[in-house]
Amino acid sequence: MLTEINPKLPMRNKAATKDFYVNKLGFQILGDNDFDGYLMVQKDKIQIHFFEFKELDPQENYGQVYIRTNDIDNLYQTLVDNKISIHPNGNLEIKPWGQKEFALLDPDNNLLTFGQSL
């Protein structure tokens, strides 16, 4: 039986990734260990892991995560109020597949799409 999924995304700079997820998106560091070249963050029931890839070209990064939420309007407004850049093609909108979604990019161009079922 499958019980969880914890995506692993590439990062070029651990400090920059940590700053973005913790200080801008409100995640917390997961665990007490500071692993070299590896980062784990958590918010609510969402956990994302990152592995160091210093040679990553952000323009060629196709890392993506779809995160479901039960309060998308509040989440979106909080991020906008905190001046988090929403993806130019990812503004909050209702999609034909019955989801209300928006998206943003992290410092390495990993795409984070947030969605709520209608």
C-alpha atoms as a PDB file:
ATOM      1  CA  MET A   1       0.000   0.000   0.000  1.00  0.00           C
ATOM      2  CA  LEU A   2       1.360   3.422  -0.962  1.00  0.00           C
ATOM      3  CA  THR A   3       1.004   6.020   1.783  1.00  0.00           C
ATOM      4  CA  GLU A   4       2.947   9.167   0.843  1.00  0.00           C
ATOM      5  CA  ILE A   5       5.011  10.806  -1.833  1.00  0.00           C
ATOM      6  CA  ASN A   6       7.954  13.087  -1.130  1.00  0.00           C
ATOM      7  CA  PRO A   7       9.260  14.621  -4.341  1.00  0.00           C
ATOM      8  CA  LYS A   8      12.989  15.239  -4.768  1.00  0.00           C
ATOM      9  CA  LEU A   9      13.910  18.354  -6.720  1.00  0.00           C
ATOM     10  CA  PRO A  10      17.288  19.716  -7.815  1.00  0.00           C
ATOM     11  CA  MET A  11      18.871  22.758  -6.169  1.00  0.00           C
ATOM     12  CA  ARG A  12      22.015  24.671  -7.032  1.00  0.00           C
ATOM     13  CA  ASN A  13      22.457  26.456  -3.725  1.00  0.00           C
ATOM     14  CA  LYS A  14      21.187  24.990  -0.472  1.00  0.00           C
ATOM     15  CA  ALA A  15      21.158  28.345   1.372  1.00  0.00           C
ATOM     16  CA  ALA A  16      19.096  30.019  -1.382  1.00  0.00           C
ATOM     17  CA  THR A  17      16.649  27.115  -1.542  1.00  0.00           C
ATOM     18  CA  LYS A  18      16.315  27.036   2.245  1.00  0.00           C
ATOM     19  CA  ASP A  19      15.711  30.797   2.349  1.00  0.00           C
ATOM     20  CA  PHE A  20      13.016  30.631  -0.333  1.00  0.00           C
ATOM     21  CA  TYR A  21      11.068  27.735   1.144  1.00  0.00           C
ATOM     22  CA  VAL A  22      11.436  28.667   4.819  1.00  0.00           C
ATOM     23  CA  ASN A  23      11.403  32.468   4.791  1.00  0.00           C
ATOM     24  CA  LYS A  24       9.171  33.101   1.785  1.00  0.00           C
ATOM     25  CA  LEU A  25       6.813  30.106   1.565  1.00  0.00           C
ATOM     26  CA  GLY A  26       6.615  29.292   5.283  1.00  0.00           C
ATOM     27  CA  PHE A  27       8.024  25.756   5.238  1.00  0.00           C
ATOM     28  CA  GLN A  28      10.070  24.378   8.137  1.00  0.00           C
ATOM     29  CA  ILE A  29      13.285  22.404   8.053  1.00  0.00           C
ATOM     30  CA  LEU A  30      12.524  18.722   8.525  1.00  0.00           C
ATOM     31  CA  GLY A  31      14.645  16.801  10.993  1.00  0.00           C
ATOM     32  CA  ASP A  32      17.553  17.755  13.188  1.00  0.00           C
ATOM     33  CA  ASN A  33      20.376  16.822  10.815  1.00  0.00           C
ATOM     34  CA  ASP A  34      22.009  19.090   8.290  1.00  0.00           C
ATOM     35  CA  PHE A  35      23.014  16.770   5.477  1.00  0.00           C
ATOM     36  CA  ASP A  36      25.661  17.946   3.032  1.00  0.00           C
ATOM     37  CA  GLY A  37      24.048  18.594  -0.351  1.00  0.00           C
ATOM     38  CA  TYR A  38      20.566  17.593   0.780  1.00  0.00           C
ATOM     39  CA  LEU A  39      17.618  19.546   2.208  1.00  0.00           C
ATOM     40  CA  MET A  40      14.218  18.459   3.498  1.00  0.00           C
ATOM     41  CA  VAL A  41      11.374  20.902   4.174  1.00  0.00           C
ATOM     42  CA  GLN A  42       7.816  20.443   5.374  1.00  0.00           C
ATOM     43  CA  LYS A  43       4.633  22.499   5.606  1.00  0.00           C
ATOM     44  CA  ASP A  44       1.455  20.985   6.958  1.00  0.00           C
ATOM     45  CA  LYS A  45       1.389  17.499   5.353  1.00  0.00           C
ATOM     46  CA  ILE A  46       3.625  18.429   2.417  1.00  0.00           C
ATOM     47  CA  GLN A  47       7.265  17.340   2.417  1.00  0.00           C
ATOM     48  CA  ILE A  48       9.748  18.227  -0.330  1.00  0.00           C
ATOM     49  CA  HIS A  49      13.335  17.002  -0.561  1.00  0.00           C
ATOM     50  CA  PHE A  50      16.133  18.680  -2.520  1.00  0.00           C
ATOM     51  CA  PHE A  51      19.417  17.301  -3.799  1.00  0.00           C
ATOM     52  CA  GLU A  52      22.400  19.430  -4.717  1.00  0.00           C
ATOM     53  CA  PHE A  53      23.018  19.824  -8.443  1.00  0.00           C
ATOM     54  CA  LYS A  54      25.439  22.740  -8.778  1.00  0.00           C
ATOM     55  CA  GLU A  55      25.707  22.386 -12.557  1.00  0.00           C
ATOM     56  CA  LEU A  56      21.949  22.723 -13.038  1.00  0.00           C
ATOM     57  CA  ASP A  57      20.953  25.197 -15.733  1.00  0.00           C
ATOM     58  CA  PRO A  58      17.665  26.643 -14.424  1.00  0.00           C
ATOM     59  CA  GLN A  59      16.516  27.323 -17.981  1.00  0.00           C
ATOM     60  CA  GLU A  60      16.713  23.588 -18.665  1.00  0.00           C
ATOM     61  CA  ASN A  61      15.145  22.435 -15.397  1.00  0.00           C
ATOM     62  CA  TYR A  62      11.816  20.683 -15.740  1.00  0.00           C
ATOM     63  CA  GLY A  63      11.299  19.842 -12.045  1.00  0.00           C
ATOM     64  CA  GLN A  64       7.623  20.116 -11.145  1.00  0.00           C
ATOM     65  CA  VAL A  65       5.404  19.390  -8.166  1.00  0.00           C
ATOM     66  CA  TYR A  66       1.618  19.582  -7.912  1.00  0.00           C
ATOM     67  CA  ILE A  67       0.484  20.440  -4.373  1.00  0.00           C
ATOM     68  CA  ARG A  68      -3.140  20.146  -3.351  1.00  0.00           C
ATOM     69  CA  THR A  69      -4.610  22.573  -0.839  1.00  0.00           C
ATOM     70  CA  ASN A  70      -7.997  23.101   0.798  1.00  0.00           C
ATOM     71  CA  ASP A  71      -7.707  26.925   1.007  1.00  0.00           C
ATOM     72  CA  ILE A  72      -6.236  28.088  -2.286  1.00  0.00           C
ATOM     73  CA  ASP A  73      -7.655  31.617  -2.168  1.00  0.00           C
ATOM     74  CA  ASN A  74      -6.046  32.360   1.191  1.00  0.00           C
ATOM     75  CA  LEU A  75      -2.751  30.719   0.191  1.00  0.00           C
ATOM     76  CA  TYR A  76      -2.614  32.701  -3.047  1.00  0.00           C
ATOM     77  CA  GLN A  77      -3.410  36.001  -1.324  1.00  0.00           C
ATOM     78  CA  THR A  78      -0.822  35.378   1.395  1.00  0.00           C
ATOM     79  CA  LEU A  79       1.885  34.760  -1.206  1.00  0.00           C
ATOM     80  CA  VAL A  80       0.879  37.825  -3.230  1.00  0.00           C
ATOM     81  CA  ASP A  81       0.810  39.966  -0.054  1.00  0.00           C
ATOM     82  CA  ASN A  82       4.324  38.697   0.757  1.00  0.00           C
ATOM     83  CA  LYS A  83       5.459  39.709  -2.747  1.00  0.00           C
ATOM     84  CA  ILE A  84       6.147  36.162  -3.936  1.00  0.00           C
ATOM     85  CA  SER A  85       6.293  36.165  -7.736  1.00  0.00           C
ATOM     86  CA  ILE A  86       3.508  34.160  -9.318  1.00  0.00           C
ATOM     87  CA  HIS A  87       4.449  32.475 -12.609  1.00  0.00           C
ATOM     88  CA  PRO A  88       3.452  34.755 -15.535  1.00  0.00           C
ATOM     89  CA  ASN A  89       1.326  31.924 -16.959  1.00  0.00           C
ATOM     90  CA  GLY A  90       0.219  30.681 -13.555  1.00  0.00           C
ATOM     91  CA  ASN A  91      -2.210  33.211 -12.109  1.00  0.00           C
ATOM     92  CA  LEU A  92      -5.037  31.911  -9.963  1.00  0.00           C
ATOM     93  CA  GLU A  93      -7.783  30.579 -12.202  1.00  0.00           C
ATOM     94  CA  ILE A  94     -10.297  27.803 -12.642  1.00  0.00           C
ATOM     95  CA  LYS A  95      -9.060  25.155 -15.045  1.00  0.00           C
ATOM     96  CA  PRO A  96     -11.255  23.080 -17.414  1.00  0.00           C
ATOM     97  CA  TRP A  97     -10.420  19.945 -15.398  1.00  0.00           C
ATOM     98  CA  GLY A  98     -12.244  21.246 -12.308  1.00  0.00           C
ATOM     99  CA  GLN A  99      -9.300  22.598 -10.332  1.00  0.00           C
ATOM    100  CA  LYS A 100      -8.589  26.111  -9.146  1.00  0.00           C
ATOM    101  CA  GLU A 101      -4.833  26.562  -9.593  1.00  0.00           C
ATOM    102  CA  PHE A 102      -1.850  28.886  -9.574  1.00  0.00           C
ATOM    103  CA  ALA A 103       1.871  28.314 -10.009  1.00  0.00           C
ATOM    104  CA  LEU A 104       5.241  29.788  -9.102  1.00  0.00           C
ATOM    105  CA  LEU A 105       8.913  29.055  -9.700  1.00  0.00           C
ATOM    106  CA  ASP A 106      11.538  28.513  -7.024  1.00  0.00           C
ATOM    107  CA  PRO A 107      15.114  29.851  -7.384  1.00  0.00           C
ATOM    108  CA  ASP A 108      16.068  26.867  -9.597  1.00  0.00           C
ATOM    109  CA  ASN A 109      12.972  27.061 -11.811  1.00  0.00           C
ATOM    110  CA  ASN A 110      11.263  24.106 -10.180  1.00  0.00           C
ATOM    111  CA  LEU A 111       7.573  24.676 -10.942  1.00  0.00           C
ATOM    112  CA  LEU A 112       5.238  24.525  -7.938  1.00  0.00           C
ATOM    113  CA  THR A 113       1.586  24.292  -8.934  1.00  0.00           C
ATOM    114  CA  PHE A 114      -1.011  24.610  -6.188  1.00  0.00           C
ATOM    115  CA  GLY A 115      -4.509  23.293  -6.802  1.00  0.00           C
ATOM    116  CA  GLN A 116      -7.863  22.839  -5.112  1.00  0.00           C
ATOM    117  CA  SER A 117     -10.773  20.766  -6.357  1.00  0.00           C
ATOM    118  CA  LEU A 118     -13.973  22.682  -6.916  1.00  0.00           C
END
